Amino acid sequence: MLKKASVAAVVVASSVLAGCGSTPPIQAQEKTIVHEGKTFVFGGQYDKKRNELQLTVNGDAIMKGKFPPYTPTQNLNATYQETDISSHCYFGSVLGNQGGVFGAVAGVIQSAKKSTGDKCEMKIEGQVVETLYF
């Protein structure tokens, strides 16, 4: 009986620890807009561990990019169903996660400019139509 309890405890502990090691990507809340009779559902995710941003339209991953070191902005472009889609993204967390003095200074500057969030302005044909927040 004691042996079975020990095995069960090891299995449970292993399961809990395995779940703690992986961080799921941060999901943006989907936003729906209608443009010239077409419905576009914008979404996205940011994988903090891989530093990778992926933006979707109607569930299709159409834009992907990584933030260069010390650079919180990312501009992405694509064509989806013969429509120009682009985004301007600002991820304050990219700078804040640098750590050390640089991360602290970046955090103070971002707070002063009120630009600490992680967001992407979604554009159709060059016009901002919606904002995704991560």
Protein backbone atom coordinates (compact mmCIF):
# COMPACT_ATOMS: atom_id res chain seq x y z
CA MET A 1 0.00 0.00 0.00
CA LEU A 2 2.81 2.39 0.91
CA LYS A 3 4.57 1.63 -2.38
CA LYS A 4 1.43 2.50 -4.40
CA ALA A 5 1.02 5.78 -2.49
CA SER A 6 4.65 6.71 -3.17
CA VAL A 7 4.30 5.98 -6.89
CA ALA A 8 1.09 8.03 -7.04
CA ALA A 9 2.79 10.95 -5.26
CA VAL A 10 5.70 10.88 -7.73
CA VAL A 11 3.30 10.83 -10.72
CA VAL A 12 1.30 13.78 -9.36
CA ALA A 13 4.43 15.79 -8.52
CA SER A 14 5.91 15.13 -11.97
CA SER A 15 2.71 16.29 -13.65
CA VAL A 16 2.61 19.51 -11.64
CA LEU A 17 6.28 20.30 -12.29
CA ALA A 18 5.96 19.59 -16.02
CA GLY A 19 3.11 22.10 -16.25
CA CYS A 20 5.09 24.78 -14.41
CA GLY A 21 7.98 24.72 -16.87
CA SER A 22 6.03 25.81 -19.91
CA THR A 23 4.42 29.20 -20.33
CA PRO A 24 1.62 29.33 -22.89
CA PRO A 25 1.63 32.20 -25.42
CA ILE A 26 -0.27 35.35 -24.45
CA GLN A 27 -3.48 35.55 -26.49
CA ALA A 28 -5.04 38.78 -27.72
CA GLN A 29 -8.81 39.04 -27.53
CA GLU A 30 -10.21 38.64 -31.03
CA LYS A 31 -11.74 41.72 -32.67
CA THR A 32 -14.21 41.59 -35.55
CA ILE A 33 -14.69 44.32 -38.14
CA VAL A 34 -16.49 44.56 -41.48
CA HIS A 35 -14.66 46.37 -44.26
CA GLU A 36 -16.20 46.82 -47.71
CA GLY A 37 -18.60 43.94 -47.11
CA LYS A 38 -15.89 41.52 -45.90
CA THR A 39 -15.68 40.29 -42.30
CA PHE A 40 -12.23 40.24 -40.72
CA VAL A 41 -11.61 38.63 -37.32
CA PHE A 42 -8.24 39.84 -36.02
CA GLY A 43 -6.37 37.85 -33.39
CA GLY A 44 -2.88 37.04 -32.30
CA GLN A 45 -0.52 35.58 -29.79
CA TYR A 46 2.84 36.46 -28.31
CA ASP A 47 5.18 33.69 -27.23
CA LYS A 48 7.31 35.39 -24.59
CA LYS A 49 9.80 32.52 -24.34
CA ARG A 50 10.49 32.51 -28.09
CA ASN A 51 9.98 36.30 -28.43
CA GLU A 52 7.64 35.60 -31.33
CA LEU A 53 4.54 37.52 -32.35
CA GLN A 54 1.91 35.97 -34.62
CA LEU A 55 -1.13 37.83 -35.96
CA THR A 56 -4.15 36.14 -37.51
CA VAL A 57 -7.06 37.07 -39.74
CA ASN A 58 -10.09 34.76 -39.67
CA GLY A 59 -7.94 32.17 -37.91
CA ASP A 60 -5.20 32.20 -40.57
CA ALA A 61 -1.70 33.13 -39.36
CA ILE A 62 -0.74 35.79 -41.90
CA MET A 63 1.95 37.81 -40.10
CA LYS A 64 4.80 36.66 -37.87
CA GLY A 65 7.85 38.36 -36.44
CA LYS A 66 10.35 38.58 -33.60
CA PHE A 67 11.39 41.67 -31.66
CA PRO A 68 15.08 42.55 -32.13
CA PRO A 69 17.04 43.22 -28.92
CA TYR A 70 16.05 46.48 -27.18
CA THR A 71 13.38 47.19 -29.82
CA PRO A 72 9.76 47.29 -28.64
CA THR A 73 8.19 47.94 -32.05
CA GLN A 74 7.34 45.62 -34.91
CA ASN A 75 5.72 46.53 -38.24
CA LEU A 76 4.21 43.64 -40.18
CA ASN A 77 2.52 43.52 -43.59
CA ALA A 78 0.56 40.94 -45.54
CA THR A 79 -2.08 40.52 -48.23
CA TYR A 80 -5.18 38.59 -47.24
CA GLN A 81 -7.89 37.83 -49.80
CA GLU A 82 -6.59 40.63 -52.04
CA THR A 83 -6.70 43.13 -49.14
CA ASP A 84 -3.62 44.86 -47.71
CA ILE A 85 -3.38 44.15 -43.98
CA SER A 86 -0.66 45.63 -41.81
CA SER A 87 0.07 46.27 -38.17
CA HIS A 88 2.14 48.50 -35.97
CA CYS A 89 2.92 46.76 -32.70
CA TYR A 90 4.39 48.16 -29.50
CA PHE A 91 5.38 45.73 -26.75
CA GLY A 92 6.64 47.56 -23.68
CA SER A 93 7.25 44.23 -21.96
CA VAL A 94 10.06 43.50 -24.44
CA LEU A 95 12.10 46.34 -22.94
CA GLY A 96 11.00 45.76 -19.36
CA ASN A 97 12.07 42.12 -19.56
CA GLN A 98 15.66 43.05 -20.41
CA GLY A 99 16.39 43.30 -16.69
CA GLY A 100 19.15 45.19 -14.95
CA VAL A 101 19.59 48.93 -15.19
CA PHE A 102 18.36 49.03 -18.80
CA GLY A 103 15.07 47.33 -17.87
CA ALA A 104 14.55 49.70 -14.93
CA VAL A 105 15.26 52.81 -17.02
CA ALA A 106 13.03 51.53 -19.84
CA GLY A 107 10.22 50.98 -17.34
CA VAL A 108 10.49 54.56 -16.02
CA ILE A 109 10.53 56.04 -19.55
CA GLN A 110 7.54 53.95 -20.63
CA SER A 111 5.56 54.95 -17.53
CA ALA A 112 6.29 58.63 -18.18
CA LYS A 113 5.11 58.27 -21.79
CA LYS A 114 2.11 56.13 -20.71
CA SER A 115 3.14 53.43 -23.19
CA THR A 116 3.64 50.34 -21.05
CA GLY A 117 1.14 47.99 -22.71
CA ASP A 118 1.56 45.36 -25.35
CA LYS A 119 -0.62 46.13 -28.35
CA CYS A 120 -0.92 45.97 -32.13
CA GLU A 121 -2.80 48.51 -34.22
CA MET A 122 -4.40 46.58 -37.06
CA LYS A 123 -4.71 48.34 -40.40
CA ILE A 124 -6.63 47.67 -43.59
CA GLU A 125 -5.41 49.55 -46.67
CA GLY A 126 -3.27 51.73 -44.36
CA GLN A 127 -6.10 52.82 -42.05
CA VAL A 128 -6.17 51.75 -38.39
CA VAL A 129 -9.39 49.79 -37.89
CA GLU A 130 -8.83 48.05 -34.57
CA THR A 131 -6.32 47.52 -31.75
CA LEU A 132 -5.36 44.15 -30.26
CA TYR A 133 -4.19 44.10 -26.65
CA PHE A 134 -1.99 41.32 -25.29
